[in-house]
Amino acid sequence: KVTHGRRVRIFQLKYYLDGFPTTAYKGRRKSIRRSFARALQ
């Protein structure tokens, strides 16, 4: 979390060496969505 004045920037780190394609590793996109939703709070 980087706070600069009133602005907050959140970094989400995912160690996906081979990305998150739709056909394989389907849980990765779900994990990204879940992390994003939590960060929005």
All heavy atoms as atom14 arrays in JSON, in Angstrom:
{
  "sequence": "KVTHGRRVRIFQLKYYLDGFPTTAYKGRRKSIRRSFARALQ",
  "atom14_mask": [
    [1, 1, 1, 1, 1, 1, 1, 1, 1, 0, 0, 0, 0, 0],
    [1, 1, 1, 1, 1, 1, 1, 0, 0, 0, 0, 0, 0, 0],
    [1, 1, 1, 1, 1, 1, 1, 0, 0, 0, 0, 0, 0, 0],
    [1, 1, 1, 1, 1, 1, 1, 1, 1, 1, 0, 0, 0, 0],
    [1, 1, 1, 1, 0, 0, 0, 0, 0, 0, 0, 0, 0, 0],
    [1, 1, 1, 1, 1, 1, 1, 1, 1, 1, 1, 0, 0, 0],
    [1, 1, 1, 1, 1, 1, 1, 1, 1, 1, 1, 0, 0, 0],
    [1, 1, 1, 1, 1, 1, 1, 0, 0, 0, 0, 0, 0, 0],
    [1, 1, 1, 1, 1, 1, 1, 1, 1, 1, 1, 0, 0, 0],
    [1, 1, 1, 1, 1, 1, 1, 1, 0, 0, 0, 0, 0, 0],
    [1, 1, 1, 1, 1, 1, 1, 1, 1, 1, 1, 0, 0, 0],
    [1, 1, 1, 1, 1, 1, 1, 1, 1, 0, 0, 0, 0, 0],
    [1, 1, 1, 1, 1, 1, 1, 1, 0, 0, 0, 0, 0, 0],
    [1, 1, 1, 1, 1, 1, 1, 1, 1, 0, 0, 0, 0, 0],
    [1, 1, 1, 1, 1, 1, 1, 1, 1, 1, 1, 1, 0, 0],
    [1, 1, 1, 1, 1, 1, 1, 1, 1, 1, 1, 1, 0, 0],
    [1, 1, 1, 1, 1, 1, 1, 1, 0, 0, 0, 0, 0, 0],
    [1, 1, 1, 1, 1, 1, 1, 1, 0, 0, 0, 0, 0, 0],
    [1, 1, 1, 1, 0, 0, 0, 0, 0, 0, 0, 0, 0, 0],
    [1, 1, 1, 1, 1, 1, 1, 1, 1, 1, 1, 0, 0, 0],
    [1, 1, 1, 1, 1, 1, 1, 0, 0, 0, 0, 0, 0, 0],
    [1, 1, 1, 1, 1, 1, 1, 0, 0, 0, 0, 0, 0, 0],
    [1, 1, 1, 1, 1, 1, 1, 0, 0, 0, 0, 0, 0, 0],
    [1, 1, 1, 1, 1, 0, 0, 0, 0, 0, 0, 0, 0, 0],
    [1, 1, 1, 1, 1, 1, 1, 1, 1, 1, 1, 1, 0, 0],
    [1, 1, 1, 1, 1, 1, 1, 1, 1, 0, 0, 0, 0, 0],
    [1, 1, 1, 1, 0, 0, 0, 0, 0, 0, 0, 0, 0, 0],
    [1, 1, 1, 1, 1, 1, 1, 1, 1, 1, 1, 0, 0, 0],
    [1, 1, 1, 1, 1, 1, 1, 1, 1, 1, 1, 0, 0, 0],
    [1, 1, 1, 1, 1, 1, 1, 1, 1, 0, 0, 0, 0, 0],
    [1, 1, 1, 1, 1, 1, 0, 0, 0, 0, 0, 0, 0, 0],
    [1, 1, 1, 1, 1, 1, 1, 1, 0, 0, 0, 0, 0, 0],
    [1, 1, 1, 1, 1, 1, 1, 1, 1, 1, 1, 0, 0, 0],
    [1, 1, 1, 1, 1, 1, 1, 1, 1, 1, 1, 0, 0, 0],
    [1, 1, 1, 1, 1, 1, 0, 0, 0, 0, 0, 0, 0, 0],
    [1, 1, 1, 1, 1, 1, 1, 1, 1, 1, 1, 0, 0, 0],
    [1, 1, 1, 1, 1, 0, 0, 0, 0, 0, 0, 0, 0, 0],
    [1, 1, 1, 1, 1, 1, 1, 1, 1, 1, 1, 0, 0, 0],
    [1, 1, 1, 1, 1, 0, 0, 0, 0, 0, 0, 0, 0, 0],
    [1, 1, 1, 1, 1, 1, 1, 1, 0, 0, 0, 0, 0, 0],
    [1, 1, 1, 1, 1, 1, 1, 1, 1, 0, 0, 0, 0, 0]
  ],
  "atom14_positions": [
    [[0.86, -1.19, 0.0], [0.0, 0.0, 0.0], [0.89, 1.23, 0.0], [1.76, 1.38, 0.86], [-0.89, 0.0, 1.24], [-1.79, 1.2, 1.37], [-2.61, 1.07, 2.66], [-3.49, 2.27, 2.9], [-4.24, 2.13, 4.17], [0.0, 0.0, 0.0], [0.0, 0.0, 0.0], [0.0, 0.0, 0.0], [0.0, 0.0, 0.0], [0.0, 0.0, 0.0]],
    [[0.67, 2.1, -0.98], [1.43, 3.35, -1.07], [0.44, 4.49, -0.9], [-0.51, 4.62, -1.67], [2.15, 3.48, -2.43], [2.91, 4.8, -2.5], [3.1, 2.3, -2.64], [0.0, 0.0, 0.0], [0.0, 0.0, 0.0], [0.0, 0.0, 0.0], [0.0, 0.0, 0.0], [0.0, 0.0, 0.0], [0.0, 0.0, 0.0], [0.0, 0.0, 0.0]],
    [[0.66, 5.28, 0.14], [-0.18, 6.44, 0.4], [0.64, 7.68, 0.08], [1.72, 7.88, 0.62], [-0.64, 6.48, 1.87], [-1.27, 5.23, 2.17], [-1.6, 7.61, 2.12], [0.0, 0.0, 0.0], [0.0, 0.0, 0.0], [0.0, 0.0, 0.0], [0.0, 0.0, 0.0], [0.0, 0.0, 0.0], [0.0, 0.0, 0.0], [0.0, 0.0, 0.0]],
    [[0.12, 8.48, -0.82], [0.8, 9.7, -1.26], [-0.24, 10.82, -1.21], [-1.08, 10.92, -2.09], [1.36, 9.51, -2.66], [2.4, 10.47, -3.02], [2.4, 11.15, -4.22], [3.51, 10.91, -2.36], [3.45, 11.93, -4.27], [4.12, 11.82, -3.16], [0.0, 0.0, 0.0], [0.0, 0.0, 0.0], [0.0, 0.0, 0.0], [0.0, 0.0, 0.0]],
    [[-0.19, 11.58, -0.14], [-1.24, 12.57, 0.06], [-2.54, 11.85, 0.38], [-2.58, 10.98, 1.24], [0.0, 0.0, 0.0], [0.0, 0.0, 0.0], [0.0, 0.0, 0.0], [0.0, 0.0, 0.0], [0.0, 0.0, 0.0], [0.0, 0.0, 0.0], [0.0, 0.0, 0.0], [0.0, 0.0, 0.0], [0.0, 0.0, 0.0], [0.0, 0.0, 0.0]],
    [[-3.59, 12.16, -0.37], [-4.88, 11.49, -0.16], [-5.05, 10.28, -1.08], [-6.06, 9.59, -1.0], [-6.0, 12.49, -0.39], [-6.01, 13.58, 0.68], [-7.06, 14.61, 0.47], [-8.33, 14.05, 0.05], [-9.3, 14.76, -0.49], [-9.17, 16.04, -0.67], [-10.44, 14.17, -0.86], [0.0, 0.0, 0.0], [0.0, 0.0, 0.0], [0.0, 0.0, 0.0]],
    [[-4.1, 10.06, -1.94], [-4.21, 8.94, -2.89], [-3.6, 7.67, -2.32], [-2.5, 7.68, -1.79], [-3.51, 9.28, -4.2], [-4.25, 10.32, -4.98], [-3.63, 10.51, -6.33], [-4.49, 11.35, -7.15], [-4.19, 11.73, -8.36], [-3.06, 11.36, -8.91], [-5.01, 12.5, -9.04], [0.0, 0.0, 0.0], [0.0, 0.0, 0.0], [0.0, 0.0, 0.0]],
    [[-4.34, 6.59, -2.49], [-3.87, 5.28, -2.05], [-3.73, 4.4, -3.28], [-4.65, 4.28, -4.08], [-4.85, 4.63, -1.05], [-4.45, 3.2, -0.73], [-4.93, 5.48, 0.22], [0.0, 0.0, 0.0], [0.0, 0.0, 0.0], [0.0, 0.0, 0.0], [0.0, 0.0, 0.0], [0.0, 0.0, 0.0], [0.0, 0.0, 0.0], [0.0, 0.0, 0.0]],
    [[-2.56, 3.8, -3.42], [-2.29, 2.87, -4.51], [-2.04, 1.5, -3.87], [-1.23, 1.38, -2.95], [-1.06, 3.33, -5.28], [-0.64, 2.41, -6.4], [0.56, 2.99, -7.14], [0.12, 4.11, -7.98], [0.65, 5.33, -7.91], [1.59, 5.62, -7.06], [0.21, 6.28, -8.72], [0.0, 0.0, 0.0], [0.0, 0.0, 0.0], [0.0, 0.0, 0.0]],
    [[-2.75, 0.5, -4.36], [-2.59, -0.86, -3.83], [-1.98, -1.74, -4.9], [-2.45, -1.77, -6.04], [-3.95, -1.43, -3.37], [-4.45, -0.63, -2.16], [-3.83, -2.92, -3.03], [-5.82, -1.05, -1.67], [0.0, 0.0, 0.0], [0.0, 0.0, 0.0], [0.0, 0.0, 0.0], [0.0, 0.0, 0.0], [0.0, 0.0, 0.0], [0.0, 0.0, 0.0]],
    [[-0.94, -2.46, -4.52], [-0.29, -3.43, -5.4], [-0.7, -4.82, -4.95], [-0.63, -5.16, -3.77], [1.23, -3.32, -5.32], [1.78, -2.06, -5.93], [1.91, -0.9, -5.17], [2.18, -2.03, -7.26], [2.43, 0.25, -5.73], [2.7, -0.88, -7.82], [2.82, 0.27, -7.05], [0.0, 0.0, 0.0], [0.0, 0.0, 0.0], [0.0, 0.0, 0.0]],
    [[-1.13, -5.63, -5.91], [-1.45, -7.03, -5.67], [-0.41, -7.87, -6.37], [-0.25, -7.77, -7.6], [-2.85, -7.37, -6.2], [-3.23, -8.82, -6.0], [-3.31, -9.19, -4.53], [-3.94, -8.52, -3.74], [-2.64, -10.26, -4.15], [0.0, 0.0, 0.0], [0.0, 0.0, 0.0], [0.0, 0.0, 0.0], [0.0, 0.0, 0.0], [0.0, 0.0, 0.0]],
    [[0.34, -8.65, -5.64], [1.41, -9.47, -6.2], [0.92, -10.9, -6.39], [0.43, -11.52, -5.45], [2.63, -9.47, -5.26], [3.08, -8.11, -4.73], [4.25, -8.28, -3.77], [3.42, -7.16, -5.84], [0.0, 0.0, 0.0], [0.0, 0.0, 0.0], [0.0, 0.0, 0.0], [0.0, 0.0, 0.0], [0.0, 0.0, 0.0], [0.0, 0.0, 0.0]],
    [[1.06, -11.4, -7.6], [0.69, -12.79, -7.9], [1.88, -13.44, -8.6], [2.38, -12.92, -9.6], [-0.54, -12.87, -8.82], [-1.81, -12.32, -8.22], [-2.32, -13.21, -7.11], [-3.7, -12.74, -6.64], [-4.13, -13.46, -5.45], [0.0, 0.0, 0.0], [0.0, 0.0, 0.0], [0.0, 0.0, 0.0], [0.0, 0.0, 0.0], [0.0, 0.0, 0.0]],
    [[2.31, -14.56, -8.08], [3.47, -15.26, -8.66], [2.98, -16.29, -9.66], [3.01, -17.49, -9.43], [4.31, -15.9, -7.55], [5.65, -16.38, -8.04], [6.63, -15.48, -8.43], [5.94, -17.74, -8.1], [7.86, -15.92, -8.89], [7.17, -18.18, -8.54], [8.12, -17.27, -8.93], [9.34, -17.69, -9.37], [0.0, 0.0, 0.0], [0.0, 0.0, 0.0]],
    [[2.48, -15.8, -10.79], [2.0, -16.65, -11.87], [3.01, -16.56, -13.01], [2.93, -15.67, -13.86], [0.63, -16.18, -12.36], [-0.47, -16.2, -11.32], [-1.57, -15.38, -11.45], [-0.43, -17.07, -10.23], [-2.61, -15.41, -10.53], [-1.46, -17.09, -9.29], [-2.54, -16.27, -9.45], [-3.57, -16.29, -8.53], [0.0, 0.0, 0.0], [0.0, 0.0, 0.0]],
    [[3.97, -17.48, -13.0], [5.03, -17.45, -14.02], [4.52, -17.66, -15.43], [5.11, -17.19, -16.39], [6.09, -18.51, -13.7], [6.91, -18.28, -12.44], [7.82, -19.47, -12.16], [7.71, -17.0, -12.55], [0.0, 0.0, 0.0], [0.0, 0.0, 0.0], [0.0, 0.0, 0.0], [0.0, 0.0, 0.0], [0.0, 0.0, 0.0], [0.0, 0.0, 0.0]],
    [[3.4, -18.39, -15.54], [2.86, -18.7, -16.87], [1.49, -18.05, -17.09], [0.69, -18.52, -17.87], [2.8, -20.2, -17.1], [2.2, -20.95, -15.93], [1.8, -20.3, -14.94], [2.13, -22.18, -15.98], [0.0, 0.0, 0.0], [0.0, 0.0, 0.0], [0.0, 0.0, 0.0], [0.0, 0.0, 0.0], [0.0, 0.0, 0.0], [0.0, 0.0, 0.0]],
    [[1.22, -16.96, -16.4], [0.02, -16.18, -16.62], [-1.22, -16.78, -16.01], [-1.16, -17.57, -15.08], [0.0, 0.0, 0.0], [0.0, 0.0, 0.0], [0.0, 0.0, 0.0], [0.0, 0.0, 0.0], [0.0, 0.0, 0.0], [0.0, 0.0, 0.0], [0.0, 0.0, 0.0], [0.0, 0.0, 0.0], [0.0, 0.0, 0.0], [0.0, 0.0, 0.0]],
    [[-2.36, -16.41, -16.57], [-3.65, -16.9, -16.08], [-4.62, -17.04, -17.25], [-5.62, -16.35, -17.34], [-4.22, -15.99, -14.98], [-4.01, -14.53, -15.21], [-4.97, -13.76, -15.84], [-2.85, -13.91, -14.8], [-4.78, -12.41, -16.05], [-2.65, -12.56, -15.0], [-3.62, -11.8, -15.64], [0.0, 0.0, 0.0], [0.0, 0.0, 0.0], [0.0, 0.0, 0.0]],
    [[-4.3, -17.99, -18.16], [-5.17, -18.23, -19.31], [-6.53, -18.77, -18.87], [-6.67, -19.3, -17.78], [-4.4, -19.26, -20.14], [-3.5, -19.93, -19.17], [-3.16, -18.91, -18.11], [0.0, 0.0, 0.0], [0.0, 0.0, 0.0], [0.0, 0.0, 0.0], [0.0, 0.0, 0.0], [0.0, 0.0, 0.0], [0.0, 0.0, 0.0], [0.0, 0.0, 0.0]],
    [[-7.51, -18.64, -19.76], [-8.86, -19.1, -19.41], [-8.97, -20.62, -19.41], [-9.77, -21.18, -18.68], [-9.9, -18.52, -20.4], [-9.53, -18.89, -21.72], [-9.99, -17.03, -20.28], [0.0, 0.0, 0.0], [0.0, 0.0, 0.0], [0.0, 0.0, 0.0], [0.0, 0.0, 0.0], [0.0, 0.0, 0.0], [0.0, 0.0, 0.0], [0.0, 0.0, 0.0]],
    [[-8.16, -21.29, -20.22], [-8.3, -22.74, -20.34], [-7.61, -23.5, -19.22], [-8.06, -24.55, -18.82], [-7.72, -23.22, -21.69], [-6.37, -22.76, -21.81], [-8.55, -22.69, -22.84], [0.0, 0.0, 0.0], [0.0, 0.0, 0.0], [0.0, 0.0, 0.0], [0.0, 0.0, 0.0], [0.0, 0.0, 0.0], [0.0, 0.0, 0.0], [0.0, 0.0, 0.0]],
    [[-6.53, -22.99, -18.73], [-5.79, -23.65, -17.65], [-5.74, -22.7, -16.45], [-5.86, -21.49, -16.59], [-4.37, -23.99, -18.11], [0.0, 0.0, 0.0], [0.0, 0.0, 0.0], [0.0, 0.0, 0.0], [0.0, 0.0, 0.0], [0.0, 0.0, 0.0], [0.0, 0.0, 0.0], [0.0, 0.0, 0.0], [0.0, 0.0, 0.0], [0.0, 0.0, 0.0]],
    [[-5.55, -23.25, -15.28], [-5.41, -22.44, -14.08], [-6.61, -21.52, -13.88], [-6.47, -20.33, -13.58], [-4.12, -21.61, -14.11], [-2.89, -22.39, -14.46], [-2.21, -22.18, -15.64], [-2.41, -23.37, -13.59], [-1.08, -22.91, -15.97], [-1.27, -24.1, -13.9], [-0.62, -23.86, -15.09], [0.51, -24.59, -15.4], [0.0, 0.0, 0.0], [0.0, 0.0, 0.0]],
    [[-7.81, -22.06, -14.03], [-9.02, -21.25, -13.94], [-9.15, -20.53, -12.6], [-9.72, -19.46, -12.53], [-10.25, -22.12, -14.19], [-10.34, -22.61, -15.61], [-11.57, -23.44, -15.83], [-11.56, -23.95, -17.26], [-12.73, -24.67, -17.62], [0.0, 0.0, 0.0], [0.0, 0.0, 0.0], [0.0, 0.0, 0.0], [0.0, 0.0, 0.0], [0.0, 0.0, 0.0]],
    [[-8.61, -21.11, -11.56], [-8.7, -20.49, -10.24], [-7.89, -19.21, -10.12], [-8.14, -18.4, -9.22], [0.0, 0.0, 0.0], [0.0, 0.0, 0.0], [0.0, 0.0, 0.0], [0.0, 0.0, 0.0], [0.0, 0.0, 0.0], [0.0, 0.0, 0.0], [0.0, 0.0, 0.0], [0.0, 0.0, 0.0], [0.0, 0.0, 0.0], [0.0, 0.0, 0.0]],
    [[-6.95, -18.99, -11.02], [-6.13, -17.79, -10.93], [-6.93, -16.52, -11.2], [-6.78, -15.52, -10.51], [-4.95, -17.88, -11.9], [-3.95, -18.94, -11.47], [-2.79, -19.02, -12.4], [-1.83, -20.02, -11.93], [-0.68, -20.28, -12.52], [-0.33, -19.62, -13.61], [0.13, -21.2, -12.03], [0.0, 0.0, 0.0], [0.0, 0.0, 0.0], [0.0, 0.0, 0.0]],
    [[-7.78, -16.54, -12.2], [-8.6, -15.35, -12.48], [-9.57, -15.09, -11.33], [-9.81, -13.95, -10.95], [-9.36, -15.5, -13.8], [-8.43, -15.39, -14.99], [-9.18, -15.37, -16.29], [-8.22, -15.34, -17.39], [-8.4, -14.68, -18.51], [-9.51, -14.0, -18.71], [-7.49, -14.69, -19.46], [0.0, 0.0, 0.0], [0.0, 0.0, 0.0], [0.0, 0.0, 0.0]],
    [[-10.1, -16.15, -10.77], [-10.99, -16.01, -9.61], [-10.24, -15.38, -8.45], [-10.76, -14.5, -7.76], [-11.54, -17.38, -9.23], [-12.54, -17.35, -8.11], [-13.07, -18.75, -7.83], [-14.05, -18.75, -6.69], [-14.58, -20.09, -6.43], [0.0, 0.0, 0.0], [0.0, 0.0, 0.0], [0.0, 0.0, 0.0], [0.0, 0.0, 0.0], [0.0, 0.0, 0.0]],
    [[-9.01, -15.8, -8.24], [-8.19, -15.25, -7.17], [-7.9, -13.76, -7.4], [-7.93, -12.96, -6.46], [-6.87, -16.03, -7.08], [-6.01, -15.45, -6.15], [0.0, 0.0, 0.0], [0.0, 0.0, 0.0], [0.0, 0.0, 0.0], [0.0, 0.0, 0.0], [0.0, 0.0, 0.0], [0.0, 0.0, 0.0], [0.0, 0.0, 0.0], [0.0, 0.0, 0.0]],
    [[-7.64, -13.39, -8.64], [-7.39, -11.98, -8.97], [-8.65, -11.16, -8.72], [-8.58, -10.08, -8.11], [-6.9, -11.85, -10.42], [-5.51, -12.46, -10.56], [-6.89, -10.38, -10.86], [-5.05, -12.66, -12.0], [0.0, 0.0, 0.0], [0.0, 0.0, 0.0], [0.0, 0.0, 0.0], [0.0, 0.0, 0.0], [0.0, 0.0, 0.0], [0.0, 0.0, 0.0]],
    [[-9.8, -11.66, -9.16], [-11.06, -10.95, -8.93], [-11.32, -10.76, -7.44], [-11.75, -9.69, -6.99], [-12.23, -11.73, -9.54], [-12.57, -11.35, -10.93], [-13.93, -11.93, -11.35], [-13.85, -12.31, -12.73], [-13.59, -13.53, -13.18], [-13.4, -14.52, -12.35], [-13.53, -13.77, -14.48], [0.0, 0.0, 0.0], [0.0, 0.0, 0.0], [0.0, 0.0, 0.0]],
    [[-11.08, -11.81, -6.68], [-11.3, -11.76, -5.23], [-10.37, -10.74, -4.57], [-10.79, -9.95, -3.73], [-11.11, -13.17, -4.65], [-11.67, -13.35, -3.27], [-11.65, -14.79, -2.78], [-10.51, -15.57, -3.22], [-10.58, -16.65, -4.0], [-11.75, -17.1, -4.4], [-9.5, -17.31, -4.35], [0.0, 0.0, 0.0], [0.0, 0.0, 0.0], [0.0, 0.0, 0.0]],
    [[-9.11, -10.73, -4.98], [-8.16, -9.76, -4.44], [-8.57, -8.34, -4.78], [-8.48, -7.43, -3.95], [-6.75, -10.03, -4.99], [-6.27, -11.28, -4.54], [0.0, 0.0, 0.0], [0.0, 0.0, 0.0], [0.0, 0.0, 0.0], [0.0, 0.0, 0.0], [0.0, 0.0, 0.0], [0.0, 0.0, 0.0], [0.0, 0.0, 0.0], [0.0, 0.0, 0.0]],
    [[-9.03, -8.14, -6.02], [-9.46, -6.82, -6.44], [-10.66, -6.35, -5.61], [-10.7, -5.23, -5.12], [-9.82, -6.85, -7.93], [-10.33, -5.54, -8.46], [-9.48, -4.46, -8.63], [-11.66, -5.39, -8.8], [-9.95, -3.25, -9.12], [-12.14, -4.19, -9.29], [-11.28, -3.12, -9.45], [0.0, 0.0, 0.0], [0.0, 0.0, 0.0], [0.0, 0.0, 0.0]],
    [[-11.63, -7.24, -5.42], [-12.83, -6.89, -4.64], [-12.46, -6.51, -3.21], [-13.0, -5.55, -2.65], [-13.82, -8.05, -4.65], [0.0, 0.0, 0.0], [0.0, 0.0, 0.0], [0.0, 0.0, 0.0], [0.0, 0.0, 0.0], [0.0, 0.0, 0.0], [0.0, 0.0, 0.0], [0.0, 0.0, 0.0], [0.0, 0.0, 0.0], [0.0, 0.0, 0.0]],
    [[-11.55, -7.26, -2.6], [-11.12, -6.94, -1.23], [-10.39, -5.6, -1.19], [-10.57, -4.81, -0.28], [-10.24, -8.05, -0.66], [-11.04, -9.27, -0.23], [-10.2, -10.21, 0.61], [-8.98, -10.62, -0.04], [-8.78, -11.8, -0.63], [-9.74, -12.7, -0.64], [-7.63, -12.1, -1.19], [0.0, 0.0, 0.0], [0.0, 0.0, 0.0], [0.0, 0.0, 0.0]],
    [[-9.57, -5.34, -2.2], [-8.83, -4.08, -2.24], [-9.78, -2.89, -2.37], [-9.52, -1.82, -1.81], [-7.84, -4.1, -3.4], [0.0, 0.0, 0.0], [0.0, 0.0, 0.0], [0.0, 0.0, 0.0], [0.0, 0.0, 0.0], [0.0, 0.0, 0.0], [0.0, 0.0, 0.0], [0.0, 0.0, 0.0], [0.0, 0.0, 0.0], [0.0, 0.0, 0.0]],
    [[-10.88, -3.05, -3.09], [-11.83, -1.95, -3.26], [-12.41, -1.47, -1.94], [-12.82, -0.31, -1.82], [-12.96, -2.36, -4.19], [-12.62, -2.45, -5.67], [-13.86, -2.83, -6.48], [-12.01, -1.16, -6.19], [0.0, 0.0, 0.0], [0.0, 0.0, 0.0], [0.0, 0.0, 0.0], [0.0, 0.0, 0.0], [0.0, 0.0, 0.0], [0.0, 0.0, 0.0]],
    [[-12.43, -2.32, -0.94], [-12.94, -1.93, 0.37], [-12.1, -0.81, 0.99], [-12.56, -0.1, 1.88], [-13.0, -3.14, 1.3], [-13.97, -4.2, 0.83], [-13.88, -5.47, 1.65], [-13.14, -5.55, 2.63], [-14.64, -6.48, 1.25], [0.0, 0.0, 0.0], [0.0, 0.0, 0.0], [0.0, 0.0, 0.0], [0.0, 0.0, 0.0], [0.0, 0.0, 0.0]]
  ]
}
